[in-house]
Amino acid sequence: MTNDITFAQTLDGATLDSFLLYLEDMPNTAKTYKSCIKRFKLWLKDQPDAQQPTTNTVRRYKEDLTKRGYKPNTVHLYMVAIKQWFKWLESIGKYPNIA
């Protein structure tokens, strides 16, 4: 799969809601992932590659969380949520798994 699908197309609320439905058997996980992904999306808006993020984008986000003083376990949690989201996006053909 190529990155010809812009990430903006995956940012609609329906896509995130569908991901959360995918996690419906794990309500606490869904709530946590939703928070993590929303923060990532907010951060992404100010990035030069916001329309087509890459593995480098995710790496920069991780570095930014660390620089902001997030504890290692929190950074890890954010990265797990983002990785699972991109894995799911790829599985439904919406965006390549860049995480």
PDB file of N, CA and C in Angstrom:
ATOM      1  N   MET A   1       0.853  -1.178   0.000  1.00  0.00           N
ATOM      2  CA  MET A   1       0.000   0.000   0.000  1.00  0.00           C
ATOM      3  C   MET A   1       0.891   1.230   0.000  1.00  0.00           C
ATOM      4  N   THR A   2       0.576   2.205  -0.827  1.00  0.00           N
ATOM      5  CA  THR A   2       1.353   3.435  -0.870  1.00  0.00           C
ATOM      6  C   THR A   2       0.663   4.501  -0.044  1.00  0.00           C
ATOM      7  N   ASN A   3       1.389   5.586   0.173  1.00  0.00           N
ATOM      8  CA  ASN A   3       0.850   6.682   0.969  1.00  0.00           C
ATOM      9  C   ASN A   3       0.071   7.670   0.115  1.00  0.00           C
ATOM     10  N   ASP A   4      -0.603   7.218  -0.951  1.00  0.00           N
ATOM     11  CA  ASP A   4      -1.353   8.145  -1.788  1.00  0.00           C
ATOM     12  C   ASP A   4      -2.672   8.568  -1.142  1.00  0.00           C
ATOM     13  N   ILE A   5      -3.057   7.909  -0.082  1.00  0.00           N
ATOM     14  CA  ILE A   5      -4.223   8.324   0.700  1.00  0.00           C
ATOM     15  C   ILE A   5      -3.703   9.339   1.714  1.00  0.00           C
ATOM     16  N   THR A   6      -4.291  10.529   1.743  1.00  0.00           N
ATOM     17  CA  THR A   6      -3.807  11.497   2.719  1.00  0.00           C
ATOM     18  C   THR A   6      -4.315  11.129   4.097  1.00  0.00           C
ATOM     19  N   PHE A   7      -3.520  11.453   5.073  1.00  0.00           N
ATOM     20  CA  PHE A   7      -3.890  11.134   6.432  1.00  0.00           C
ATOM     21  C   PHE A   7      -5.122  11.903   6.858  1.00  0.00           C
ATOM     22  N   ALA A   8      -5.308  13.091   6.295  1.00  0.00           N
ATOM     23  CA  ALA A   8      -6.490  13.893   6.618  1.00  0.00           C
ATOM     24  C   ALA A   8      -7.769  13.102   6.348  1.00  0.00           C
ATOM     25  N   GLN A   9      -7.733  12.233   5.351  1.00  0.00           N
ATOM     26  CA  GLN A   9      -8.900  11.418   5.035  1.00  0.00           C
ATOM     27  C   GLN A   9      -9.195  10.414   6.148  1.00  0.00           C
ATOM     28  N   THR A  10      -8.208  10.102   6.965  1.00  0.00           N
ATOM     29  CA  THR A  10      -8.415   9.139   8.043  1.00  0.00           C
ATOM     30  C   THR A  10      -8.746   9.819   9.356  1.00  0.00           C
ATOM     31  N   LEU A  11      -8.733  11.147   9.371  1.00  0.00           N
ATOM     32  CA  LEU A  11      -8.951  11.873  10.613  1.00  0.00           C
ATOM     33  C   LEU A  11     -10.410  12.142  10.922  1.00  0.00           C
ATOM     34  N   ASP A  12     -11.287  11.749  10.052  1.00  0.00           N
ATOM     35  CA  ASP A  12     -12.688  12.028  10.339  1.00  0.00           C
ATOM     36  C   ASP A  12     -13.130  11.257  11.577  1.00  0.00           C
ATOM     37  N   GLY A  13     -14.111  11.790  12.238  1.00  0.00           N
ATOM     38  CA  GLY A  13     -14.593  11.194  13.470  1.00  0.00           C
ATOM     39  C   GLY A  13     -15.108   9.782  13.280  1.00  0.00           C
ATOM     40  N   ALA A  14     -15.650   9.499  12.099  1.00  0.00           N
ATOM     41  CA  ALA A  14     -16.189   8.165  11.846  1.00  0.00           C
ATOM     42  C   ALA A  14     -15.098   7.109  11.896  1.00  0.00           C
ATOM     43  N   THR A  15     -13.917   7.436  11.401  1.00  0.00           N
ATOM     44  CA  THR A  15     -12.817   6.475  11.407  1.00  0.00           C
ATOM     45  C   THR A  15     -12.363   6.186  12.828  1.00  0.00           C
ATOM     46  N   LEU A  16     -12.210   7.213  13.631  1.00  0.00           N
ATOM     47  CA  LEU A  16     -11.811   6.997  15.025  1.00  0.00           C
ATOM     48  C   LEU A  16     -12.913   6.252  15.772  1.00  0.00           C
ATOM     49  N   ASP A  17     -14.151   6.615  15.521  1.00  0.00           N
ATOM     50  CA  ASP A  17     -15.269   5.915  16.168  1.00  0.00           C
ATOM     51  C   ASP A  17     -15.292   4.436  15.777  1.00  0.00           C
ATOM     52  N   SER A  18     -14.984   4.149  14.520  1.00  0.00           N
ATOM     53  CA  SER A  18     -14.946   2.754  14.071  1.00  0.00           C
ATOM     54  C   SER A  18     -13.841   1.988  14.784  1.00  0.00           C
ATOM     55  N   PHE A  19     -12.700   2.634  14.966  1.00  0.00           N
ATOM     56  CA  PHE A  19     -11.600   2.004  15.695  1.00  0.00           C
ATOM     57  C   PHE A  19     -12.015   1.712  17.132  1.00  0.00           C
ATOM     58  N   LEU A  20     -12.687   2.666  17.743  1.00  0.00           N
ATOM     59  CA  LEU A  20     -13.128   2.477  19.128  1.00  0.00           C
ATOM     60  C   LEU A  20     -14.173   1.364  19.226  1.00  0.00           C
ATOM     61  N   LEU A  21     -15.007   1.233  18.205  1.00  0.00           N
ATOM     62  CA  LEU A  21     -15.967   0.114  18.171  1.00  0.00           C
ATOM     63  C   LEU A  21     -15.234  -1.222  18.075  1.00  0.00           C
ATOM     64  N   TYR A  22     -14.150  -1.215  17.329  1.00  0.00           N
ATOM     65  CA  TYR A  22     -13.312  -2.405  17.204  1.00  0.00           C
ATOM     66  C   TYR A  22     -12.811  -2.843  18.587  1.00  0.00           C
ATOM     67  N   LEU A  23     -12.646  -1.883  19.476  1.00  0.00           N
ATOM     68  CA  LEU A  23     -12.148  -2.156  20.826  1.00  0.00           C
ATOM     69  C   LEU A  23     -13.261  -2.250  21.860  1.00  0.00           C
ATOM     70  N   GLU A  24     -14.493  -2.389  21.421  1.00  0.00           N
ATOM     71  CA  GLU A  24     -15.635  -2.306  22.331  1.00  0.00           C
ATOM     72  C   GLU A  24     -15.594  -3.317  23.474  1.00  0.00           C
ATOM     73  N   ASP A  25     -14.932  -4.434  23.290  1.00  0.00           N
ATOM     74  CA  ASP A  25     -14.832  -5.419  24.376  1.00  0.00           C
ATOM     75  C   ASP A  25     -13.824  -5.005  25.445  1.00  0.00           C
ATOM     76  N   MET A  26     -13.117  -3.912  25.176  1.00  0.00           N
ATOM     77  CA  MET A  26     -12.114  -3.405  26.109  1.00  0.00           C
ATOM     78  C   MET A  26     -12.366  -1.911  26.349  1.00  0.00           C
ATOM     79  N   PRO A  27     -13.414  -1.558  27.080  1.00  0.00           N
ATOM     80  CA  PRO A  27     -13.799  -0.149  27.215  1.00  0.00           C
ATOM     81  C   PRO A  27     -12.718   0.751  27.819  1.00  0.00           C
ATOM     82  N   ASN A  28     -11.970   0.250  28.781  1.00  0.00           N
ATOM     83  CA  ASN A  28     -10.914   1.074  29.368  1.00  0.00           C
ATOM     84  C   ASN A  28      -9.800   1.336  28.365  1.00  0.00           C
ATOM     85  N   THR A  29      -9.457   0.321  27.606  1.00  0.00           N
ATOM     86  CA  THR A  29      -8.444   0.481  26.559  1.00  0.00           C
ATOM     87  C   THR A  29      -8.933   1.475  25.519  1.00  0.00           C
ATOM     88  N   ALA A  30     -10.178   1.348  25.104  1.00  0.00           N
ATOM     89  CA  ALA A  30     -10.737   2.256  24.100  1.00  0.00           C
ATOM     90  C   ALA A  30     -10.685   3.706  24.582  1.00  0.00           C
ATOM     91  N   LYS A  31     -11.032   3.917  25.834  1.00  0.00           N
ATOM     92  CA  LYS A  31     -11.020   5.278  26.390  1.00  0.00           C
ATOM     93  C   LYS A  31      -9.598   5.839  26.406  1.00  0.00           C
ATOM     94  N   THR A  32      -8.649   5.025  26.810  1.00  0.00           N
ATOM     95  CA  THR A  32      -7.251   5.460  26.855  1.00  0.00           C
ATOM     96  C   THR A  32      -6.723   5.732  25.458  1.00  0.00           C
ATOM     97  N   TYR A  33      -6.973   4.817  24.534  1.00  0.00           N
ATOM     98  CA  TYR A  33      -6.502   4.994  23.160  1.00  0.00           C
ATOM     99  C   TYR A  33      -7.107   6.239  22.529  1.00  0.00           C
ATOM    100  N   LYS A  34      -8.371   6.479  22.797  1.00  0.00           N
ATOM    101  CA  LYS A  34      -9.032   7.667  22.239  1.00  0.00           C
ATOM    102  C   LYS A  34      -8.307   8.925  22.682  1.00  0.00           C
ATOM    103  N   SER A  35      -7.992   9.005  23.949  1.00  0.00           N
ATOM    104  CA  SER A  35      -7.280  10.164  24.482  1.00  0.00           C
ATOM    105  C   SER A  35      -5.900  10.306  23.840  1.00  0.00           C
ATOM    106  N   CYS A  36      -5.177   9.215  23.742  1.00  0.00           N
ATOM    107  CA  CYS A  36      -3.831   9.232  23.154  1.00  0.00           C
ATOM    108  C   CYS A  36      -3.867   9.652  21.690  1.00  0.00           C
ATOM    109  N   ILE A  37      -4.803   9.112  20.946  1.00  0.00           N
ATOM    110  CA  ILE A  37      -4.898   9.408  19.512  1.00  0.00           C
ATOM    111  C   ILE A  37      -5.338  10.847  19.285  1.00  0.00           C
ATOM    112  N   LYS A  38      -6.256  11.333  20.099  1.00  0.00           N
ATOM    113  CA  LYS A  38      -6.678  12.728  19.954  1.00  0.00           C
ATOM    114  C   LYS A  38      -5.511  13.684  20.208  1.00  0.00           C
ATOM    115  N   ARG A  39      -4.702  13.386  21.195  1.00  0.00           N
ATOM    116  CA  ARG A  39      -3.531  14.236  21.457  1.00  0.00           C
ATOM    117  C   ARG A  39      -2.545  14.180  20.296  1.00  0.00           C
ATOM    118  N   PHE A  40      -2.360  12.995  19.746  1.00  0.00           N
ATOM    119  CA  PHE A  40      -1.476  12.855  18.587  1.00  0.00           C
ATOM    120  C   PHE A  40      -2.000  13.684  17.425  1.00  0.00           C
ATOM    121  N   LYS A  41      -3.297  13.606  17.164  1.00  0.00           N
ATOM    122  CA  LYS A  41      -3.890  14.362  16.070  1.00  0.00           C
ATOM    123  C   LYS A  41      -3.733  15.868  16.273  1.00  0.00           C
ATOM    124  N   LEU A  42      -3.878  16.341  17.503  1.00  0.00           N
ATOM    125  CA  LEU A  42      -3.670  17.768  17.789  1.00  0.00           C
ATOM    126  C   LEU A  42      -2.225  18.171  17.525  1.00  0.00           C
ATOM    127  N   TRP A  43      -1.302  17.355  17.978  1.00  0.00           N
ATOM    128  CA  TRP A  43       0.120  17.626  17.754  1.00  0.00           C
ATOM    129  C   TRP A  43       0.422  17.635  16.262  1.00  0.00           C
ATOM    130  N   LEU A  44      -0.155  16.692  15.547  1.00  0.00           N
ATOM    131  CA  LEU A  44       0.115  16.521  14.123  1.00  0.00           C
ATOM    132  C   LEU A  44      -0.290  17.736  13.294  1.00  0.00           C
ATOM    133  N   LYS A  45      -1.322  18.453  13.716  1.00  0.00           N
ATOM    134  CA  LYS A  45      -1.796  19.613  12.953  1.00  0.00           C
ATOM    135  C   LYS A  45      -0.699  20.639  12.689  1.00  0.00           C
ATOM    136  N   ASP A  46       0.248  20.762  13.602  1.00  0.00           N
ATOM    137  CA  ASP A  46       1.309  21.762  13.467  1.00  0.00           C
ATOM    138  C   ASP A  46       2.572  21.221  12.795  1.00  0.00           C
ATOM    139  N   GLN A  47       2.518  20.024  12.284  1.00  0.00           N
ATOM    140  CA  GLN A  47       3.690  19.403  11.684  1.00  0.00           C
ATOM    141  C   GLN A  47       3.697  19.605  10.168  1.00  0.00           C
ATOM    142  N   PRO A  48       4.890  19.746   9.591  1.00  0.00           N
ATOM    143  CA  PRO A  48       4.969  19.971   8.142  1.00  0.00           C
ATOM    144  C   PRO A  48       4.464  18.789   7.318  1.00  0.00           C
ATOM    145  N   ASP A  49       4.500  17.596   7.880  1.00  0.00           N
ATOM    146  CA  ASP A  49       4.059  16.415   7.144  1.00  0.00           C
ATOM    147  C   ASP A  49       2.704  15.911   7.638  1.00  0.00           C
ATOM    148  N   ALA A  50       1.876  16.836   8.120  1.00  0.00           N
ATOM    149  CA  ALA A  50       0.580  16.476   8.698  1.00  0.00           C
ATOM    150  C   ALA A  50      -0.319  15.752   7.705  1.00  0.00           C
ATOM    151  N   GLN A  51      -0.222  16.074   6.435  1.00  0.00           N
ATOM    152  CA  GLN A  51      -1.092  15.440   5.439  1.00  0.00           C
ATOM    153  C   GLN A  51      -0.681  14.012   5.126  1.00  0.00           C
ATOM    154  N   GLN A  52       0.602  13.723   5.280  1.00  0.00           N
ATOM    155  CA  GLN A  52       1.083  12.363   5.010  1.00  0.00           C
ATOM    156  C   GLN A  52       2.191  12.011   5.991  1.00  0.00           C
ATOM    157  N   PRO A  53       1.820  11.742   7.233  1.00  0.00           N
ATOM    158  CA  PRO A  53       2.834  11.404   8.227  1.00  0.00           C
ATOM    159  C   PRO A  53       3.555  10.107   7.872  1.00  0.00           C
ATOM    160  N   THR A  54       4.764  10.026   8.356  1.00  0.00           N
ATOM    161  CA  THR A  54       5.615   8.869   8.095  1.00  0.00           C
ATOM    162  C   THR A  54       6.092   8.287   9.426  1.00  0.00           C
ATOM    163  N   THR A  55       6.894   7.261   9.323  1.00  0.00           N
ATOM    164  CA  THR A  55       7.499   6.680  10.514  1.00  0.00           C
ATOM    165  C   THR A  55       8.290   7.748  11.267  1.00  0.00           C
ATOM    166  N   ASN A  56       8.920   8.627  10.518  1.00  0.00           N
ATOM    167  CA  ASN A  56       9.680   9.727  11.133  1.00  0.00           C
ATOM    168  C   ASN A  56       8.774  10.638  11.949  1.00  0.00           C
ATOM    169  N   THR A  57       7.578  10.870  11.478  1.00  0.00           N
ATOM    170  CA  THR A  57       6.612  11.703  12.201  1.00  0.00           C
ATOM    171  C   THR A  57       6.303  11.090  13.562  1.00  0.00           C
ATOM    172  N   VAL A  58       6.045   9.802  13.570  1.00  0.00           N
ATOM    173  CA  VAL A  58       5.738   9.112  14.822  1.00  0.00           C
ATOM    174  C   VAL A  58       6.944   9.166  15.758  1.00  0.00           C
ATOM    175  N   ARG A  59       8.128   9.007  15.204  1.00  0.00           N
ATOM    176  CA  ARG A  59       9.361   9.085  16.002  1.00  0.00           C
ATOM    177  C   ARG A  59       9.513  10.481  16.631  1.00  0.00           C
ATOM    178  N   ARG A  60       9.235  11.517  15.836  1.00  0.00           N
ATOM    179  CA  ARG A  60       9.324  12.894  16.361  1.00  0.00           C
ATOM    180  C   ARG A  60       8.310  13.119  17.469  1.00  0.00           C
ATOM    181  N   TYR A  61       7.130  12.538  17.327  1.00  0.00           N
ATOM    182  CA  TYR A  61       6.113  12.678  18.369  1.00  0.00           C
ATOM    183  C   TYR A  61       6.596  12.050  19.670  1.00  0.00           C
ATOM    184  N   LYS A  62       7.173  10.897  19.562  1.00  0.00           N
ATOM    185  CA  LYS A  62       7.710  10.225  20.752  1.00  0.00           C
ATOM    186  C   LYS A  62       8.782  11.091  21.409  1.00  0.00           C
ATOM    187  N   GLU A  63       9.656  11.651  20.604  1.00  0.00           N
ATOM    188  CA  GLU A  63      10.702  12.537  21.132  1.00  0.00           C
ATOM    189  C   GLU A  63      10.096  13.768  21.796  1.00  0.00           C
ATOM    190  N   ASP A  64       9.051  14.315  21.195  1.00  0.00           N
ATOM    191  CA  ASP A  64       8.391  15.493  21.756  1.00  0.00           C
ATOM    192  C   ASP A  64       7.759  15.181  23.111  1.00  0.00           C
ATOM    193  N   LEU A  65       7.116  14.034  23.216  1.00  0.00           N
ATOM    194  CA  LEU A  65       6.534  13.648  24.507  1.00  0.00           C
ATOM    195  C   LEU A  65       7.612  13.555  25.582  1.00  0.00           C
ATOM    196  N   THR A  66       8.746  12.973  25.212  1.00  0.00           N
ATOM    197  CA  THR A  66       9.851  12.832  26.156  1.00  0.00           C
ATOM    198  C   THR A  66      10.389  14.198  26.562  1.00  0.00           C
ATOM    199  N   LYS A  67      10.564  15.087  25.586  1.00  0.00           N
ATOM    200  CA  LYS A  67      11.059  16.440  25.866  1.00  0.00           C
ATOM    201  C   LYS A  67      10.103  17.221  26.760  1.00  0.00           C
ATOM    202  N   ARG A  68       8.821  16.934  26.634  1.00  0.00           N
ATOM    203  CA  ARG A  68       7.820  17.620  27.453  1.00  0.00           C
ATOM    204  C   ARG A  68       7.765  17.078  28.875  1.00  0.00           C
ATOM    205  N   GLY A  69       8.553  16.051  29.148  1.00  0.00           N
ATOM    206  CA  GLY A  69       8.633  15.537  30.503  1.00  0.00           C
ATOM    207  C   GLY A  69       7.685  14.395  30.829  1.00  0.00           C
ATOM    208  N   TYR A  70       7.058  13.816  29.803  1.00  0.00           N
ATOM    209  CA  TYR A  70       6.209  12.662  30.052  1.00  0.00           C
ATOM    210  C   TYR A  70       7.086  11.517  30.549  1.00  0.00           C
ATOM    211  N   LYS A  71       6.583  10.764  31.488  1.00  0.00           N
ATOM    212  CA  LYS A  71       7.330   9.638  32.032  1.00  0.00           C
ATOM    213  C   LYS A  71       7.397   8.515  30.995  1.00  0.00           C
ATOM    214  N   PRO A  72       8.448   7.693  31.072  1.00  0.00           N
ATOM    215  CA  PRO A  72       8.615   6.623  30.076  1.00  0.00           C
ATOM    216  C   PRO A  72       7.396   5.712  29.920  1.00  0.00           C
ATOM    217  N   ASN A  73       6.734   5.367  31.002  1.00  0.00           N
ATOM    218  CA  ASN A  73       5.549   4.504  30.883  1.00  0.00           C
ATOM    219  C   ASN A  73       4.416   5.200  30.136  1.00  0.00           C
ATOM    220  N   THR A  74       4.283   6.504  30.324  1.00  0.00           N
ATOM    221  CA  THR A  74       3.252   7.265  29.624  1.00  0.00           C
ATOM    222  C   THR A  74       3.581   7.354  28.138  1.00  0.00           C
ATOM    223  N   VAL A  75       4.835   7.631  27.824  1.00  0.00           N
ATOM    224  CA  VAL A  75       5.260   7.681  26.420  1.00  0.00           C
ATOM    225  C   VAL A  75       5.001   6.326  25.762  1.00  0.00           C
ATOM    226  N   HIS A  76       5.331   5.269  26.464  1.00  0.00           N
ATOM    227  CA  HIS A  76       5.102   3.920  25.933  1.00  0.00           C
ATOM    228  C   HIS A  76       3.610   3.692  25.658  1.00  0.00           C
ATOM    229  N   LEU A  77       2.764   4.102  26.569  1.00  0.00           N
ATOM    230  CA  LEU A  77       1.325   3.945  26.392  1.00  0.00           C
ATOM    231  C   LEU A  77       0.843   4.690  25.149  1.00  0.00           C
ATOM    232  N   TYR A  78       1.304   5.921  24.968  1.00  0.00           N
ATOM    233  CA  TYR A  78       0.929   6.695  23.783  1.00  0.00           C
ATOM    234  C   TYR A  78       1.366   5.982  22.510  1.00  0.00           C
ATOM    235  N   MET A  79       2.584   5.458  22.528  1.00  0.00           N
ATOM    236  CA  MET A  79       3.102   4.785  21.346  1.00  0.00           C
ATOM    237  C   MET A  79       2.329   3.495  21.050  1.00  0.00           C
ATOM    238  N   VAL A  80       1.957   2.766  22.068  1.00  0.00           N
ATOM    239  CA  VAL A  80       1.155   1.556  21.858  1.00  0.00           C
ATOM    240  C   VAL A  80      -0.178   1.917  21.213  1.00  0.00           C
ATOM    241  N   ALA A  81      -0.823   2.955  21.718  1.00  0.00           N
ATOM    242  CA  ALA A  81      -2.116   3.374  21.157  1.00  0.00           C
ATOM    243  C   ALA A  81      -1.967   3.775  19.689  1.00  0.00           C
ATOM    244  N   ILE A  82      -0.961   4.562  19.393  1.00  0.00           N
ATOM    245  CA  ILE A  82      -0.742   5.015  18.015  1.00  0.00           C
ATOM    246  C   ILE A  82      -0.394   3.838  17.114  1.00  0.00           C
ATOM    247  N   LYS A  83       0.433   2.927  17.602  1.00  0.00           N
ATOM    248  CA  LYS A  83       0.791   1.748  16.800  1.00  0.00           C
ATOM    249  C   LYS A  83      -0.434   0.894  16.506  1.00  0.00           C
ATOM    250  N   GLN A  84      -1.274   0.707  17.490  1.00  0.00           N
ATOM    251  CA  GLN A  84      -2.475  -0.104  17.280  1.00  0.00           C
ATOM    252  C   GLN A  84      -3.426   0.572  16.298  1.00  0.00           C
ATOM    253  N   TRP A  85      -3.505   1.892  16.387  1.00  0.00           N
ATOM    254  CA  TRP A  85      -4.385   2.624  15.476  1.00  0.00           C
ATOM    255  C   TRP A  85      -3.916   2.491  14.033  1.00  0.00           C
ATOM    256  N   PHE A  86      -2.610   2.702  13.819  1.00  0.00           N
ATOM    257  CA  PHE A  86      -2.086   2.578  12.454  1.00  0.00           C
ATOM    258  C   PHE A  86      -2.175   1.144  11.945  1.00  0.00           C
ATOM    259  N   LYS A  87      -1.963   0.190  12.826  1.00  0.00           N
ATOM    260  CA  LYS A  87      -2.116  -1.217  12.441  1.00  0.00           C
ATOM    261  C   LYS A  87      -3.553  -1.470  11.979  1.00  0.00           C
ATOM    262  N   TRP A  88      -4.511  -0.939  12.736  1.00  0.00           N
ATOM    263  CA  TRP A  88      -5.916  -1.098  12.375  1.00  0.00           C
ATOM    264  C   TRP A  88      -6.242  -0.355  11.080  1.00  0.00           C
ATOM    265  N   LEU A  89      -5.741   0.875  10.923  1.00  0.00           N
ATOM    266  CA  LEU A  89      -5.990   1.645   9.702  1.00  0.00           C
ATOM    267  C   LEU A  89      -5.508   0.886   8.472  1.00  0.00           C
ATOM    268  N   GLU A  90      -4.342   0.267   8.599  1.00  0.00           N
ATOM    269  CA  GLU A  90      -3.825  -0.507   7.471  1.00  0.00           C
ATOM    270  C   GLU A  90      -4.714  -1.732   7.204  1.00  0.00           C
ATOM    271  N   SER A  91      -5.180  -2.367   8.272  1.00  0.00           N
ATOM    272  CA  SER A  91      -5.989  -3.577   8.102  1.00  0.00           C
ATOM    273  C   SER A  91      -7.304  -3.309   7.378  1.00  0.00           C
ATOM    274  N   ILE A  92      -7.799  -2.070   7.459  1.00  0.00           N
ATOM    275  CA  ILE A  92      -9.040  -1.725   6.748  1.00  0.00           C
ATOM    276  C   ILE A  92      -8.771  -0.944   5.458  1.00  0.00           C
ATOM    277  N   GLY A  93      -7.475  -0.815   5.110  1.00  0.00           N
ATOM    278  CA  GLY A  93      -7.116  -0.164   3.861  1.00  0.00           C
ATOM    279  C   GLY A  93      -7.192   1.347   3.852  1.00  0.00           C
ATOM    280  N   LYS A  94      -7.145   1.961   5.030  1.00  0.00           N
ATOM    281  CA  LYS A  94      -7.264   3.424   5.109  1.00  0.00           C
ATOM    282  C   LYS A  94      -5.928   4.153   5.025  1.00  0.00           C
ATOM    283  N   TYR A  95      -4.869   3.575   5.613  1.00  0.00           N
ATOM    284  CA  TYR A  95      -3.567   4.238   5.627  1.00  0.00           C
ATOM    285  C   TYR A  95      -2.502   3.191   5.974  1.00  0.00           C
ATOM    286  N   PRO A  96      -1.322   3.331   5.410  1.00  0.00           N
ATOM    287  CA  PRO A  96      -0.261   2.362   5.718  1.00  0.00           C
ATOM    288  C   PRO A  96       0.138   2.412   7.185  1.00  0.00           C
ATOM    289  N   ASN A  97       0.582   1.296   7.696  1.00  0.00           N
ATOM    290  CA  ASN A  97       1.048   1.236   9.072  1.00  0.00           C
ATOM    291  C   ASN A  97       2.439   1.844   9.147  1.00  0.00           C
ATOM    292  N   ILE A  98       2.513   3.076   9.589  1.00  0.00           N
ATOM    293  CA  ILE A  98       3.788   3.784   9.674  1.00  0.00           C
ATOM    294  C   ILE A  98       4.387   3.719  11.063  1.00  0.00           C
ATOM    295  N   ALA A  99       3.657   3.149  11.991  1.00  0.00           N
ATOM    296  CA  ALA A  99       4.135   3.108  13.369  1.00  0.00           C
ATOM    297  C   ALA A  99       4.903   1.829  13.604  1.00  0.00           C
TER     298      ALA A  99
END
